[in-house]
Each structure stands twice: as structure tokens, then as C-alpha cells.
Amino acid sequence: MDDILQNTNRVLWREAESFETGTNFRAWAFQVARYQVLQHRDRQKRQGERVPFSDELAETLAIRSEEKESSLDRRQRFI
């Protein structure tokens, strides 16, 4: 798990210039993290390692995270 976080932080740092100022940083960072998780899972599968949860669960968690982020954004606009 630490590897995924470290890789995500590296990508965020390396790709910081591609972030559009004024847009939702958390949503952008979560998307980067999502792709890092998917890449990690693909590596595990290629190496014949056990993948601890299904692709469907990973996708469901990503969707729920996006929904929660959208909900937080809407609430913050009214504050």
C-alpha cells in the first residue's frame, strides 16, 4: 500500500503542471490515485500475485469517491 501512495505522490509532483488552476485539485488527485491503484493491480496480476479485491469493488469505490467529492463540492458552494 505504501508503494501505491509513494507512486501517486511522485506522479502528482511530476504532473503538477498539468493541473488546471481553478479546477478541483482533490478530484484530479483522486483520479491520479485511481489510475495508480489500477496499475498496481495489473502488475500484481501479471506477476501471478493474489489481488486482494475484485475489479468491480475497485470501480465501485472509485465511483463512490467521485460522488462523495461532488457532494462536498456542492455543499461548499453554499457555505
C-alpha atoms as a PDB file:
ATOM      1  CA  MET A   1       0.000   0.000   0.000  1.00  0.00           C
ATOM      2  CA  ASP A   2       2.878   2.370   0.756  1.00  0.00           C
ATOM      3  CA  ASP A   3       4.187   1.782  -2.776  1.00  0.00           C
ATOM      4  CA  ILE A   4       0.900   2.950  -4.270  1.00  0.00           C
ATOM      5  CA  LEU A   5       0.896   6.095  -2.140  1.00  0.00           C
ATOM      6  CA  GLN A   6       4.518   6.867  -2.978  1.00  0.00           C
ATOM      7  CA  ASN A   7       3.920   6.330  -6.695  1.00  0.00           C
ATOM      8  CA  THR A   8       0.814   8.504  -6.552  1.00  0.00           C
ATOM      9  CA  ASN A   9       2.743  11.294  -4.847  1.00  0.00           C
ATOM     10  CA  ARG A  10       5.506  11.040  -7.462  1.00  0.00           C
ATOM     11  CA  VAL A  11       3.000  11.291 -10.302  1.00  0.00           C
ATOM     12  CA  LEU A  12       1.201  14.225  -8.650  1.00  0.00           C
ATOM     13  CA  TRP A  13       4.520  16.033  -8.253  1.00  0.00           C
ATOM     14  CA  ARG A  14       5.692  15.199 -11.773  1.00  0.00           C
ATOM     15  CA  GLU A  15       2.354  16.118 -13.383  1.00  0.00           C
ATOM     16  CA  ALA A  16       1.610  19.207 -11.252  1.00  0.00           C
ATOM     17  CA  GLU A  17       1.988  21.466 -14.288  1.00  0.00           C
ATOM     18  CA  SER A  18      -0.899  19.665 -15.997  1.00  0.00           C
ATOM     19  CA  PHE A  19      -3.298  20.595 -13.178  1.00  0.00           C
ATOM     20  CA  GLU A  20      -5.556  23.433 -14.286  1.00  0.00           C
ATOM     21  CA  THR A  21      -5.645  26.208 -11.693  1.00  0.00           C
ATOM     22  CA  GLY A  22      -9.193  26.918 -10.585  1.00  0.00           C
ATOM     23  CA  THR A  23     -10.373  23.344 -11.046  1.00  0.00           C
ATOM     24  CA  ASN A  24     -10.899  20.752  -8.330  1.00  0.00           C
ATOM     25  CA  PHE A  25      -7.472  19.601  -7.126  1.00  0.00           C
ATOM     26  CA  ARG A  26      -8.854  16.778  -4.980  1.00  0.00           C
ATOM     27  CA  ALA A  27     -10.820  15.323  -7.886  1.00  0.00           C
ATOM     28  CA  TRP A  28      -7.702  15.487 -10.057  1.00  0.00           C
ATOM     29  CA  ALA A  29      -5.540  13.892  -7.349  1.00  0.00           C
ATOM     30  CA  PHE A  30      -8.123  11.158  -6.712  1.00  0.00           C
ATOM     31  CA  GLN A  31      -8.156  10.332 -10.429  1.00  0.00           C
ATOM     32  CA  VAL A  32      -4.359  10.044 -10.417  1.00  0.00           C
ATOM     33  CA  ALA A  33      -4.571   7.784  -7.347  1.00  0.00           C
ATOM     34  CA  ARG A  34      -7.242   5.664  -9.012  1.00  0.00           C
ATOM     35  CA  TYR A  35      -5.008   5.025 -12.014  1.00  0.00           C
ATOM     36  CA  GLN A  36      -2.083   4.171  -9.741  1.00  0.00           C
ATOM     37  CA  VAL A  37      -4.226   1.576  -7.946  1.00  0.00           C
ATOM     38  CA  LEU A  38      -5.320   0.084 -11.272  1.00  0.00           C
ATOM     39  CA  GLN A  39      -1.712  -0.079 -12.493  1.00  0.00           C
ATOM     40  CA  HIS A  40      -0.641  -1.744  -9.249  1.00  0.00           C
ATOM     41  CA  ARG A  41      -3.405  -4.333  -9.600  1.00  0.00           C
ATOM     42  CA  ASP A  42      -2.394  -5.011 -13.209  1.00  0.00           C
ATOM     43  CA  ARG A  43       1.227  -5.578 -12.115  1.00  0.00           C
ATOM     44  CA  GLN A  44       0.063  -7.975  -9.396  1.00  0.00           C
ATOM     45  CA  LYS A  45      -1.989  -9.949 -11.911  1.00  0.00           C
ATOM     46  CA  ARG A  46       0.879 -10.137 -14.435  1.00  0.00           C
ATOM     47  CA  GLN A  47       3.223 -11.391 -11.720  1.00  0.00           C
ATOM     48  CA  GLY A  48       0.715 -14.043 -10.654  1.00  0.00           C
ATOM     49  CA  GLU A  49       0.176 -12.450  -7.249  1.00  0.00           C
ATOM     50  CA  ARG A  50      -3.100 -12.577  -5.381  1.00  0.00           C
ATOM     51  CA  VAL A  51      -5.187  -9.424  -5.915  1.00  0.00           C
ATOM     52  CA  PRO A  52      -6.946  -8.644  -2.623  1.00  0.00           C
ATOM     53  CA  PHE A  53     -10.189  -7.291  -4.134  1.00  0.00           C
ATOM     54  CA  SER A  54     -12.115  -7.521  -7.375  1.00  0.00           C
ATOM     55  CA  ASP A  55     -12.079  -5.074 -10.271  1.00  0.00           C
ATOM     56  CA  GLU A  56     -15.752  -4.431  -9.576  1.00  0.00           C
ATOM     57  CA  LEU A  57     -15.008  -3.383  -5.991  1.00  0.00           C
ATOM     58  CA  ALA A  58     -12.189  -1.075  -7.137  1.00  0.00           C
ATOM     59  CA  GLU A  59     -14.545   0.552  -9.662  1.00  0.00           C
ATOM     60  CA  THR A  60     -17.368   0.883  -7.113  1.00  0.00           C
ATOM     61  CA  LEU A  61     -15.023   2.556  -4.623  1.00  0.00           C
ATOM     62  CA  ALA A  62     -13.793   4.974  -7.290  1.00  0.00           C
ATOM     63  CA  ILE A  63     -17.350   5.900  -8.281  1.00  0.00           C
ATOM     64  CA  ARG A  64     -18.444   6.405  -4.679  1.00  0.00           C
ATOM     65  CA  SER A  65     -15.391   8.535  -4.011  1.00  0.00           C
ATOM     66  CA  GLU A  66     -16.251  10.722  -7.013  1.00  0.00           C
ATOM     67  CA  GLU A  67     -19.867  11.008  -5.841  1.00  0.00           C
ATOM     68  CA  LYS A  68     -18.760  12.000  -2.348  1.00  0.00           C
ATOM     69  CA  GLU A  69     -16.353  14.575  -3.777  1.00  0.00           C
ATOM     70  CA  SER A  70     -19.139  16.041  -5.922  1.00  0.00           C
ATOM     71  CA  SER A  71     -21.422  16.212  -2.910  1.00  0.00           C
ATOM     72  CA  LEU A  72     -18.740  18.019  -0.875  1.00  0.00           C
ATOM     73  CA  ASP A  73     -18.215  20.496  -3.719  1.00  0.00           C
ATOM     74  CA  ARG A  74     -21.931  21.287  -3.877  1.00  0.00           C
ATOM     75  CA  ARG A  75     -22.137  21.849  -0.122  1.00  0.00           C
ATOM     76  CA  GLN A  76     -19.069  24.082  -0.095  1.00  0.00           C
ATOM     77  CA  ARG A  77     -20.605  26.365  -2.721  1.00  0.00           C
ATOM     78  CA  PHE A  78     -23.433  27.179  -0.329  1.00  0.00           C
ATOM     79  CA  ILE A  79     -21.199  27.971   2.638  1.00  0.00           C
END
